[in-house]
N, C-alpha and C. Protein backbone atom coordinates (compact mmCIF):
# COMPACT_ATOMS: atom_id res chain seq x y z
N MET A 1 -113.09 24.36 -29.15
CA MET A 1 -112.15 23.25 -28.79
C MET A 1 -110.81 23.89 -28.74
N ASP A 2 -109.96 23.36 -27.96
CA ASP A 2 -108.65 23.80 -27.72
C ASP A 2 -107.65 22.72 -27.98
N LEU A 3 -106.57 23.02 -28.43
CA LEU A 3 -105.46 22.01 -28.72
C LEU A 3 -104.36 22.32 -27.55
N ARG A 4 -104.19 21.32 -26.92
CA ARG A 4 -103.18 21.36 -25.82
C ARG A 4 -101.88 20.52 -26.45
N ILE A 5 -100.77 21.08 -26.53
CA ILE A 5 -99.57 20.50 -27.10
C ILE A 5 -98.58 20.39 -25.91
N SER A 6 -98.16 19.22 -25.62
CA SER A 6 -97.03 19.05 -24.58
C SER A 6 -95.86 18.41 -25.08
N GLN A 7 -94.73 18.74 -24.78
CA GLN A 7 -93.55 18.20 -25.51
C GLN A 7 -92.60 17.75 -24.38
N GLN A 8 -92.04 16.70 -24.79
CA GLN A 8 -91.00 16.01 -23.84
C GLN A 8 -89.72 15.94 -24.67
N ALA A 9 -88.65 16.59 -24.05
CA ALA A 9 -87.32 16.65 -24.54
C ALA A 9 -86.62 15.23 -24.52
N GLY A 10 -85.84 15.07 -25.59
CA GLY A 10 -85.04 13.83 -25.55
C GLY A 10 -83.82 14.03 -24.58
N LEU A 11 -83.46 13.04 -23.87
CA LEU A 11 -82.27 13.07 -22.94
C LEU A 11 -81.14 12.07 -23.63
N ILE A 12 -80.04 12.56 -23.56
CA ILE A 12 -78.96 11.72 -24.02
C ILE A 12 -78.07 11.31 -22.81
N GLY A 13 -77.82 10.17 -22.60
CA GLY A 13 -77.03 9.61 -21.48
C GLY A 13 -75.57 9.36 -22.09
N LEU A 14 -74.58 9.63 -21.09
CA LEU A 14 -73.15 9.39 -21.42
C LEU A 14 -72.46 8.31 -20.57
N ASN A 15 -71.93 7.44 -21.01
CA ASN A 15 -70.93 6.49 -20.14
C ASN A 15 -69.62 6.82 -20.53
N ILE A 16 -68.91 7.49 -19.42
CA ILE A 16 -67.51 8.02 -19.61
C ILE A 16 -66.44 7.09 -18.97
N ASP A 17 -65.66 6.45 -19.59
CA ASP A 17 -64.59 5.82 -19.07
C ASP A 17 -63.26 6.59 -19.13
N LYS A 18 -62.84 7.24 -18.07
CA LYS A 18 -61.71 8.11 -18.03
C LYS A 18 -60.39 7.23 -18.15
N PRO A 19 -59.37 7.85 -18.80
CA PRO A 19 -58.08 7.08 -19.00
C PRO A 19 -57.48 6.92 -17.59
N GLY A 20 -56.99 5.85 -17.23
CA GLY A 20 -56.16 5.72 -16.07
C GLY A 20 -54.64 5.45 -16.47
N VAL A 21 -53.69 5.91 -15.85
CA VAL A 21 -52.25 5.71 -16.20
C VAL A 21 -51.96 4.44 -15.59
N ARG A 22 -51.69 3.43 -16.44
CA ARG A 22 -51.20 2.23 -15.96
C ARG A 22 -49.91 1.87 -16.76
N LEU A 23 -48.67 2.02 -16.00
CA LEU A 23 -47.40 1.79 -16.60
C LEU A 23 -46.76 0.55 -16.00
N SER A 24 -46.22 -0.08 -16.83
CA SER A 24 -45.23 -1.40 -16.40
C SER A 24 -43.84 -0.92 -16.48
N ILE A 25 -43.09 -0.74 -15.38
CA ILE A 25 -41.76 -0.32 -15.42
C ILE A 25 -40.81 -1.17 -15.07
N SER A 26 -39.79 -1.60 -15.78
CA SER A 26 -38.62 -2.49 -15.34
C SER A 26 -37.47 -1.55 -15.36
N PRO A 27 -36.75 -1.45 -14.12
CA PRO A 27 -35.65 -0.46 -14.07
C PRO A 27 -34.44 -1.09 -14.81
N PRO A 28 -33.52 -0.13 -15.21
CA PRO A 28 -32.30 -0.69 -15.90
C PRO A 28 -31.42 -1.44 -14.92
N ARG A 29 -30.60 -2.44 -15.42
CA ARG A 29 -29.72 -3.08 -14.58
C ARG A 29 -28.27 -2.79 -15.06
N LEU A 30 -27.42 -2.39 -14.28
CA LEU A 30 -26.08 -2.09 -14.56
C LEU A 30 -25.22 -2.93 -13.70
N SER A 31 -24.37 -3.79 -14.31
CA SER A 31 -23.42 -4.63 -13.58
C SER A 31 -22.00 -4.17 -13.92
N VAL A 32 -21.24 -3.95 -12.91
CA VAL A 32 -19.90 -3.49 -12.99
C VAL A 32 -19.03 -4.51 -12.39
N ASN A 33 -17.86 -5.09 -13.15
CA ASN A 33 -17.02 -5.98 -12.69
C ASN A 33 -15.66 -5.21 -12.68
N ALA A 34 -14.94 -5.06 -11.58
CA ALA A 34 -13.71 -4.45 -11.47
C ALA A 34 -12.62 -5.50 -11.16
N GLN A 35 -11.61 -5.37 -12.09
CA GLN A 35 -10.43 -6.23 -11.85
C GLN A 35 -9.35 -5.47 -11.24
N VAL A 36 -8.86 -5.83 -10.16
CA VAL A 36 -7.81 -5.04 -9.59
C VAL A 36 -6.48 -5.15 -10.21
N SER A 37 -5.77 -4.02 -10.49
CA SER A 37 -4.35 -4.09 -10.88
C SER A 37 -3.38 -4.73 -9.92
N GLU A 38 -2.45 -5.40 -10.39
CA GLU A 38 -1.58 -6.08 -9.33
C GLU A 38 -0.06 -5.64 -9.81
N ILE A 39 0.76 -5.38 -8.84
CA ILE A 39 2.19 -5.21 -9.06
C ILE A 39 2.88 -6.16 -8.12
N ASN A 40 3.85 -7.04 -8.75
CA ASN A 40 4.62 -7.92 -7.98
C ASN A 40 6.05 -7.39 -8.08
N ILE A 41 6.73 -7.11 -6.98
CA ILE A 41 8.08 -6.52 -6.99
C ILE A 41 8.98 -7.52 -6.31
N HIS A 42 9.98 -8.01 -6.92
CA HIS A 42 10.89 -8.94 -6.29
C HIS A 42 12.29 -8.06 -6.23
N SER A 43 12.63 -7.89 -5.02
CA SER A 43 13.93 -7.19 -4.92
C SER A 43 14.85 -8.12 -3.99
N PRO A 44 15.94 -8.65 -4.73
CA PRO A 44 16.80 -9.45 -3.95
C PRO A 44 17.67 -8.58 -2.83
N ARG A 45 18.05 -9.35 -1.75
CA ARG A 45 18.75 -8.50 -0.71
C ARG A 45 20.06 -8.03 -1.15
N ALA A 46 20.41 -6.92 -0.83
CA ALA A 46 21.73 -6.32 -1.16
C ALA A 46 22.79 -6.99 -0.22
N GLU A 47 23.92 -7.28 -0.81
CA GLU A 47 25.10 -7.89 -0.03
C GLU A 47 26.04 -6.80 0.33
N LEU A 48 26.44 -6.80 1.59
CA LEU A 48 27.32 -5.80 2.19
C LEU A 48 28.60 -6.51 2.76
N GLU A 49 29.74 -6.22 2.00
CA GLU A 49 30.92 -6.77 2.53
C GLU A 49 31.78 -5.73 3.11
N ILE A 50 32.22 -6.02 4.30
CA ILE A 50 33.20 -5.22 5.09
C ILE A 50 34.46 -5.82 5.34
N ASP A 51 35.55 -5.29 4.74
CA ASP A 51 36.86 -5.88 4.81
C ASP A 51 37.68 -5.05 5.84
N GLN A 52 37.83 -5.56 7.05
CA GLN A 52 38.58 -4.99 8.15
C GLN A 52 39.94 -5.56 8.31
N SER A 53 40.48 -6.13 7.38
CA SER A 53 41.74 -6.89 7.61
C SER A 53 42.84 -5.84 7.72
N GLN A 54 42.84 -4.57 7.05
CA GLN A 54 43.81 -3.71 7.19
C GLN A 54 43.73 -3.07 8.59
N CYS A 55 42.50 -2.72 9.07
CA CYS A 55 42.33 -2.23 10.43
C CYS A 55 42.80 -3.14 11.45
N TRP A 56 42.68 -4.43 11.28
CA TRP A 56 43.21 -5.38 12.39
C TRP A 56 44.66 -5.44 12.19
N THR A 57 45.16 -5.17 11.08
CA THR A 57 46.68 -5.12 10.83
C THR A 57 47.17 -3.98 11.55
N ASP A 58 46.48 -2.73 11.41
CA ASP A 58 46.87 -1.58 12.11
C ASP A 58 46.91 -1.69 13.55
N LEU A 59 45.92 -2.46 14.05
CA LEU A 59 45.78 -2.71 15.63
C LEU A 59 46.80 -3.71 15.98
N GLY A 60 47.50 -4.44 15.16
CA GLY A 60 48.41 -5.39 15.64
C GLY A 60 47.88 -6.80 15.57
N ALA A 61 46.76 -6.97 15.13
CA ALA A 61 46.15 -8.33 15.09
C ALA A 61 46.32 -8.87 13.66
N ARG A 62 46.79 -10.13 13.55
CA ARG A 62 47.16 -10.71 12.29
C ARG A 62 46.52 -11.93 12.08
N LYS A 63 46.72 -12.67 10.93
CA LYS A 63 46.22 -13.89 10.73
C LYS A 63 47.00 -14.89 11.61
N PRO A 64 46.49 -16.03 11.94
CA PRO A 64 47.10 -16.87 12.87
C PRO A 64 48.54 -17.28 12.34
N VAL A 65 48.78 -17.65 11.12
CA VAL A 65 50.01 -18.06 10.54
C VAL A 65 51.00 -16.99 10.71
N GLU A 66 50.62 -15.67 10.30
CA GLU A 66 51.43 -14.46 10.46
C GLU A 66 51.74 -14.16 11.83
N TYR A 67 50.68 -14.30 12.75
CA TYR A 67 50.99 -14.04 14.05
C TYR A 67 51.80 -15.11 14.76
N GLY A 68 51.77 -16.31 14.42
CA GLY A 68 52.83 -17.31 15.04
C GLY A 68 54.07 -16.99 14.48
N LYS A 69 54.27 -16.74 13.19
CA LYS A 69 55.71 -16.29 12.71
C LYS A 69 56.19 -15.22 13.42
N GLU A 70 55.44 -14.18 13.69
CA GLU A 70 55.84 -12.99 14.48
C GLU A 70 56.25 -13.25 15.90
N CYS A 71 55.30 -14.07 16.49
CA CYS A 71 55.55 -14.54 17.99
C CYS A 71 56.91 -15.27 18.09
N ALA A 72 57.18 -16.13 17.01
CA ALA A 72 58.35 -16.94 17.14
C ALA A 72 59.65 -16.04 16.92
N SER A 73 59.38 -15.10 15.85
CA SER A 73 60.60 -14.17 15.70
C SER A 73 60.75 -13.31 16.85
N GLN A 74 59.76 -12.81 17.59
CA GLN A 74 59.98 -11.96 18.62
C GLN A 74 60.43 -12.85 19.85
N ALA A 75 60.06 -14.00 20.06
CA ALA A 75 60.60 -14.96 20.94
C ALA A 75 61.99 -15.10 20.93
N TYR A 76 62.39 -15.34 19.73
CA TYR A 76 63.93 -15.52 19.31
C TYR A 76 64.60 -14.28 19.74
N GLN A 77 64.20 -13.09 19.29
CA GLN A 77 64.77 -11.92 19.65
C GLN A 77 64.88 -11.61 21.13
N GLN A 78 63.89 -11.85 21.91
CA GLN A 78 63.90 -11.76 23.31
C GLN A 78 64.78 -12.79 24.10
N GLY A 79 64.78 -13.93 23.44
CA GLY A 79 65.71 -14.97 23.94
C GLY A 79 67.22 -14.44 23.85
N LEU A 80 67.51 -13.87 22.62
CA LEU A 80 68.87 -13.38 22.54
C LEU A 80 69.16 -12.17 23.36
N GLU A 81 68.12 -11.30 23.50
CA GLU A 81 68.26 -10.14 24.40
C GLU A 81 68.49 -10.64 25.85
N GLY A 82 67.69 -11.66 26.20
CA GLY A 82 67.76 -12.19 27.60
C GLY A 82 69.17 -12.68 27.89
N ILE A 83 69.75 -13.30 26.95
CA ILE A 83 71.08 -14.03 27.02
C ILE A 83 72.02 -12.83 27.20
N ALA A 84 71.91 -11.79 26.33
CA ALA A 84 72.82 -10.73 26.49
C ALA A 84 72.72 -9.99 27.68
N ARG A 85 71.57 -9.86 28.38
CA ARG A 85 71.32 -9.32 29.62
C ARG A 85 72.01 -10.19 30.79
N ARG A 86 71.96 -11.49 30.61
CA ARG A 86 72.54 -12.42 31.61
C ARG A 86 74.05 -12.24 31.54
N VAL A 87 74.58 -12.07 30.37
CA VAL A 87 75.99 -11.91 30.11
C VAL A 87 76.42 -10.63 30.74
N ALA A 88 75.58 -9.60 30.45
CA ALA A 88 75.97 -8.31 31.11
C ALA A 88 76.07 -8.29 32.59
N GLU A 89 74.93 -9.00 33.19
CA GLU A 89 74.79 -9.00 34.66
C GLU A 89 76.07 -9.91 35.13
N GLY A 90 76.33 -10.96 34.46
CA GLY A 90 77.47 -11.76 34.95
C GLY A 90 78.79 -10.91 34.95
N GLU A 91 78.96 -10.18 33.90
CA GLU A 91 80.04 -9.31 33.74
C GLU A 91 80.15 -8.21 34.82
N SER A 92 79.00 -7.62 35.15
CA SER A 92 78.86 -6.60 36.19
C SER A 92 79.13 -7.17 37.59
N GLN A 93 78.66 -8.30 37.75
CA GLN A 93 79.05 -9.02 38.97
C GLN A 93 80.41 -9.43 39.21
N ALA A 94 81.10 -9.80 38.07
CA ALA A 94 82.34 -10.05 38.11
C ALA A 94 83.13 -8.76 38.23
N ALA A 95 82.68 -7.65 37.76
CA ALA A 95 83.27 -6.46 38.05
C ALA A 95 83.40 -5.96 39.48
N ILE A 96 82.44 -6.49 40.29
CA ILE A 96 82.42 -6.17 41.67
C ILE A 96 83.54 -6.72 42.36
N GLU A 97 84.05 -7.86 41.93
CA GLU A 97 85.22 -8.46 42.55
C GLU A 97 86.51 -7.65 42.25
N LYS A 98 86.36 -7.09 41.03
CA LYS A 98 87.46 -6.20 40.65
C LYS A 98 87.54 -4.79 41.08
N GLY A 99 86.48 -4.57 41.93
CA GLY A 99 86.43 -3.30 42.62
C GLY A 99 85.32 -2.34 42.26
N GLY A 100 84.29 -2.80 41.54
CA GLY A 100 83.11 -2.07 41.17
C GLY A 100 82.17 -1.96 42.46
N SER A 101 81.15 -1.22 42.38
CA SER A 101 80.33 -1.02 43.61
C SER A 101 78.86 -1.52 43.22
N VAL A 102 78.40 -2.18 44.24
CA VAL A 102 76.97 -2.74 44.19
C VAL A 102 75.89 -1.59 43.82
N VAL A 103 76.05 -0.47 44.30
CA VAL A 103 75.15 0.69 44.13
C VAL A 103 75.06 0.92 42.66
N ASN A 104 76.15 1.11 41.95
CA ASN A 104 76.16 1.29 40.53
C ASN A 104 75.49 0.11 39.73
N LEU A 105 75.70 -1.03 40.24
CA LEU A 105 74.88 -2.22 39.68
C LEU A 105 73.48 -2.05 39.59
N ILE A 106 72.94 -1.75 40.90
CA ILE A 106 71.51 -1.64 41.07
C ILE A 106 70.91 -0.40 40.50
N ALA A 107 71.60 0.63 40.40
CA ALA A 107 71.26 1.87 39.65
C ALA A 107 71.17 1.68 38.22
N SER A 108 72.03 0.97 37.64
CA SER A 108 72.06 0.67 36.15
C SER A 108 70.87 -0.30 35.80
N ARG A 109 70.44 -1.03 36.70
CA ARG A 109 69.27 -2.09 36.56
C ARG A 109 68.00 -1.22 36.55
N PHE A 110 67.82 -0.21 37.66
CA PHE A 110 66.71 0.61 37.71
C PHE A 110 66.54 1.44 36.44
N LYS A 111 67.64 2.01 36.02
CA LYS A 111 67.53 2.92 34.85
C LYS A 111 67.16 2.10 33.68
N ALA A 112 67.59 0.86 33.50
CA ALA A 112 67.18 0.12 32.30
C ALA A 112 65.71 -0.26 32.36
N GLU A 113 65.17 -0.67 33.64
CA GLU A 113 63.90 -0.93 33.65
C GLU A 113 62.97 0.26 33.66
N ALA A 114 63.29 1.43 34.03
CA ALA A 114 62.62 2.62 34.00
C ALA A 114 62.37 3.19 32.60
N GLU A 115 63.13 2.75 31.63
CA GLU A 115 63.01 3.34 30.30
C GLU A 115 61.97 2.42 29.66
N CYS A 116 60.91 3.07 29.07
CA CYS A 116 59.94 2.37 28.28
C CYS A 116 59.70 3.04 27.07
N PRO A 117 59.73 2.46 25.85
CA PRO A 117 59.55 3.06 24.69
C PRO A 117 58.09 3.35 24.37
N TYR A 118 57.64 4.45 23.86
CA TYR A 118 56.21 4.56 23.55
C TYR A 118 56.05 5.43 22.11
N THR A 119 55.02 5.31 21.55
CA THR A 119 54.67 5.86 20.29
C THR A 119 53.29 6.40 20.31
N ILE A 120 53.00 7.50 19.78
CA ILE A 120 51.61 7.99 19.59
C ILE A 120 51.17 7.87 18.15
N ALA A 121 49.95 6.99 18.03
CA ALA A 121 49.48 6.91 16.63
C ALA A 121 47.99 6.70 16.67
N PHE A 122 47.34 7.11 15.52
CA PHE A 122 46.00 7.00 15.46
C PHE A 122 45.63 5.50 14.94
N ILE A 123 44.97 4.73 15.68
CA ILE A 123 44.74 3.42 15.25
C ILE A 123 43.18 3.24 15.04
N PRO A 124 42.67 2.65 13.97
CA PRO A 124 43.55 2.24 12.84
C PRO A 124 43.85 3.25 11.92
N GLU A 125 44.88 3.19 11.07
CA GLU A 125 45.19 4.16 10.19
C GLU A 125 44.55 4.13 8.92
N HIS A 126 43.98 3.02 8.64
CA HIS A 126 43.14 2.67 7.37
C HIS A 126 41.63 2.47 7.70
N PRO A 127 40.77 3.06 6.91
CA PRO A 127 39.34 2.78 7.19
C PRO A 127 39.10 1.34 6.67
N PRO A 128 38.01 0.77 7.08
CA PRO A 128 37.51 -0.43 6.49
C PRO A 128 37.03 -0.27 5.18
N GLN A 129 37.20 -1.24 4.31
CA GLN A 129 36.74 -1.25 2.91
C GLN A 129 35.35 -1.83 2.83
N VAL A 130 34.41 -1.10 2.33
CA VAL A 130 32.96 -1.42 2.41
C VAL A 130 32.54 -1.62 1.00
N THR A 131 32.04 -2.80 0.51
CA THR A 131 31.62 -3.05 -0.76
C THR A 131 30.11 -3.32 -0.71
N VAL A 132 29.29 -2.94 -1.51
CA VAL A 132 27.86 -3.03 -1.68
C VAL A 132 27.59 -3.65 -2.97
N LYS A 133 26.96 -4.83 -2.94
CA LYS A 133 26.39 -5.55 -4.21
C LYS A 133 24.83 -5.53 -4.07
N ALA A 134 24.33 -4.68 -4.92
CA ALA A 134 22.86 -4.68 -4.84
C ALA A 134 22.41 -5.37 -6.18
N GLY A 135 21.37 -6.15 -5.95
CA GLY A 135 20.81 -6.94 -7.04
C GLY A 135 19.77 -5.92 -7.71
N GLU A 136 19.41 -6.46 -8.96
CA GLU A 136 18.31 -5.59 -9.73
C GLU A 136 16.93 -6.05 -9.23
N MET A 137 16.21 -4.92 -9.21
CA MET A 137 14.79 -5.15 -8.74
C MET A 137 13.94 -5.50 -10.01
N GLU A 138 13.11 -6.49 -9.65
CA GLU A 138 12.22 -6.95 -10.87
C GLU A 138 10.75 -6.66 -10.51
N ALA A 139 10.08 -5.92 -11.31
CA ALA A 139 8.75 -5.73 -11.15
C ALA A 139 7.84 -6.20 -12.30
N GLU A 140 6.69 -6.87 -11.94
CA GLU A 140 5.86 -7.31 -12.87
C GLU A 140 4.41 -6.89 -12.57
N ALA A 141 3.88 -6.20 -13.60
CA ALA A 141 2.52 -5.69 -13.34
C ALA A 141 1.47 -6.29 -14.37
N SER A 142 0.27 -6.50 -13.69
CA SER A 142 -0.81 -6.97 -14.53
C SER A 142 -1.96 -5.91 -14.37
N GLU A 143 -2.29 -5.46 -15.55
CA GLU A 143 -3.31 -4.26 -15.40
C GLU A 143 -4.73 -4.90 -15.15
N GLY A 144 -5.37 -4.08 -14.46
CA GLY A 144 -6.77 -4.42 -14.29
C GLY A 144 -7.73 -3.75 -15.22
N GLY A 145 -8.94 -3.88 -14.88
CA GLY A 145 -9.83 -3.21 -15.88
C GLY A 145 -11.42 -3.24 -15.18
N ILE A 146 -12.18 -2.62 -15.97
CA ILE A 146 -13.61 -2.52 -15.50
C ILE A 146 -14.35 -3.01 -16.69
N SER A 147 -15.31 -3.98 -16.52
CA SER A 147 -16.18 -4.48 -17.60
C SER A 147 -17.65 -4.06 -17.10
N THR A 148 -18.45 -3.64 -18.10
CA THR A 148 -19.77 -3.34 -17.50
C THR A 148 -20.73 -3.92 -18.67
N SER A 149 -21.77 -4.13 -18.00
CA SER A 149 -23.06 -4.72 -18.93
C SER A 149 -24.29 -3.94 -18.47
N LEU A 150 -24.88 -3.52 -19.49
CA LEU A 150 -26.17 -2.70 -19.25
C LEU A 150 -27.33 -3.48 -19.81
N GLN A 151 -28.35 -3.67 -19.09
CA GLN A 151 -29.57 -4.19 -19.55
C GLN A 151 -30.62 -2.98 -19.34
N PRO A 152 -31.07 -2.38 -20.52
CA PRO A 152 -31.83 -1.23 -20.48
C PRO A 152 -33.16 -1.51 -19.84
N GLY A 153 -33.64 -0.49 -19.27
CA GLY A 153 -35.06 -0.62 -18.49
C GLY A 153 -36.22 -0.45 -19.71
N ARG A 154 -37.26 -0.75 -19.21
CA ARG A 154 -38.38 -0.64 -20.29
C ARG A 154 -39.64 0.02 -19.49
N VAL A 155 -40.24 0.75 -20.22
CA VAL A 155 -41.61 1.40 -19.74
C VAL A 155 -42.69 0.95 -20.61
N GLU A 156 -43.56 0.06 -20.27
CA GLU A 156 -44.63 -0.36 -21.07
C GLU A 156 -45.99 0.43 -20.67
N ASN A 157 -46.72 0.93 -21.59
CA ASN A 157 -47.91 1.52 -21.51
C ASN A 157 -49.17 0.66 -21.56
N HIS A 158 -49.81 0.33 -20.43
CA HIS A 158 -51.07 -0.34 -20.41
C HIS A 158 -52.25 0.43 -20.23
N THR A 159 -52.22 1.73 -20.56
CA THR A 159 -53.22 2.58 -20.30
C THR A 159 -54.39 2.48 -21.24
N PRO A 160 -55.64 2.22 -20.85
CA PRO A 160 -56.70 1.96 -21.84
C PRO A 160 -57.19 3.43 -22.27
N TRP A 161 -57.64 3.38 -23.63
CA TRP A 161 -58.00 4.67 -24.14
C TRP A 161 -59.34 5.20 -23.53
N ALA A 162 -59.50 6.28 -23.49
CA ALA A 162 -60.78 7.03 -22.73
C ALA A 162 -62.06 6.52 -23.89
N LYS A 163 -63.07 6.34 -23.20
CA LYS A 163 -64.25 6.00 -23.98
C LYS A 163 -65.50 6.83 -23.49
N VAL A 164 -66.22 7.22 -24.54
CA VAL A 164 -67.30 7.93 -24.24
C VAL A 164 -68.43 7.26 -25.01
N GLY A 165 -69.35 6.61 -24.23
CA GLY A 165 -70.54 5.82 -24.81
C GLY A 165 -71.74 6.74 -24.75
N VAL A 166 -72.37 7.00 -25.84
CA VAL A 166 -73.67 7.74 -25.98
C VAL A 166 -74.79 6.79 -26.04
N TYR A 167 -75.84 7.09 -25.24
CA TYR A 167 -77.06 6.34 -25.42
C TYR A 167 -78.29 7.22 -25.14
N LEU A 168 -79.43 6.94 -25.68
CA LEU A 168 -80.60 7.68 -25.45
C LEU A 168 -81.33 7.28 -24.23
N GLN A 169 -81.38 8.32 -23.36
CA GLN A 169 -81.90 8.08 -21.96
C GLN A 169 -83.45 8.17 -22.09
N GLN A 170 -83.86 9.13 -22.65
CA GLN A 170 -85.37 9.48 -22.81
C GLN A 170 -85.59 9.92 -24.30
N LYS A 171 -86.70 9.41 -24.83
CA LYS A 171 -87.05 9.64 -26.25
C LYS A 171 -87.76 10.98 -26.20
N PRO A 172 -87.54 11.62 -27.33
CA PRO A 172 -88.31 13.01 -27.36
C PRO A 172 -89.87 12.67 -27.83
N ALA A 173 -90.61 13.40 -27.31
CA ALA A 173 -92.10 13.25 -27.67
C ALA A 173 -92.76 14.34 -27.72
N ILE A 174 -93.96 14.33 -28.51
CA ILE A 174 -94.90 15.52 -28.60
C ILE A 174 -96.18 15.01 -28.41
N GLU A 175 -96.96 15.53 -27.69
CA GLU A 175 -98.36 15.05 -27.24
C GLU A 175 -99.33 16.22 -27.64
N VAL A 176 -100.24 15.92 -28.56
CA VAL A 176 -101.33 16.90 -28.88
C VAL A 176 -102.70 16.36 -28.40
N LYS A 177 -103.35 17.23 -27.68
CA LYS A 177 -104.66 16.83 -27.04
C LYS A 177 -105.70 17.87 -27.42
N TRP A 178 -106.75 17.40 -27.65
CA TRP A 178 -107.88 18.31 -27.69
C TRP A 178 -108.57 18.43 -26.42
N VAL A 179 -108.86 19.61 -26.19
CA VAL A 179 -109.48 19.77 -24.89
C VAL A 179 -110.81 20.45 -25.23
N GLY A 180 -111.76 19.92 -24.54
CA GLY A 180 -113.02 20.65 -24.66
C GLY A 180 -113.94 19.65 -25.44
N SER A 181 -115.14 20.35 -25.96
CA SER A 181 -116.07 19.27 -26.57
C SER A 181 -115.64 19.11 -28.11
N TYR A 182 -116.41 18.18 -28.62
CA TYR A 182 -116.12 17.99 -29.95
C TYR A 182 -117.02 18.67 -30.81
N PHE A 183 -118.08 19.22 -30.28
CA PHE A 183 -119.00 20.06 -31.11
C PHE A 183 -118.76 21.44 -30.56
N ASP A 184 -118.94 22.29 -31.42
CA ASP A 184 -119.04 23.66 -31.25
C ASP A 184 -120.29 24.26 -31.88
N GLY A 185 -120.98 24.71 -31.12
CA GLY A 185 -122.34 25.18 -31.55
C GLY A 185 -122.52 26.62 -31.16
N VAL A 186 -123.20 27.26 -32.01
CA VAL A 186 -123.53 28.73 -31.77
C VAL A 186 -124.90 28.70 -31.69
N MET A 187 -125.49 29.52 -30.70
CA MET A 187 -126.90 29.49 -30.64
C MET A 187 -127.32 30.90 -30.62
């Protein structure tokens, strides 16, 4: 008789869950508010005064009242000079009767009319008077600024842990069989 032994190995099965990366990400939020700086400037206009009265006086222009008085005085003087000329003419014409010549009379008249007084001058002699009145400049400033607010971001991990499940896929076994007859006999 023989013994026949057969053996069956045990098998282990594995259930493996690999970890998968699952992240929930909320980005950070930054808000910036900028307020602009302002400058308000107020500058009143400058006043410019030009006094040309002395220049006009140098040119012979005067105020109406002064000009009227001067014209009246000049007219009075010219009136007296005209009367004196008429008297001289009358006397020269009377002298013709006393033996004077007409040629001398006409020549003296031409000579008087040919003479013309003149003067050379730089006009105006005085410059104009210029006065500047400047106002004060006013400035008003309001400062700006920057305000910020930050909401930080978050990262949340929802990754499951890795799992390894072990189970018995095949049980181990040993089988012993007798092969042959049950009797052994010698003869």
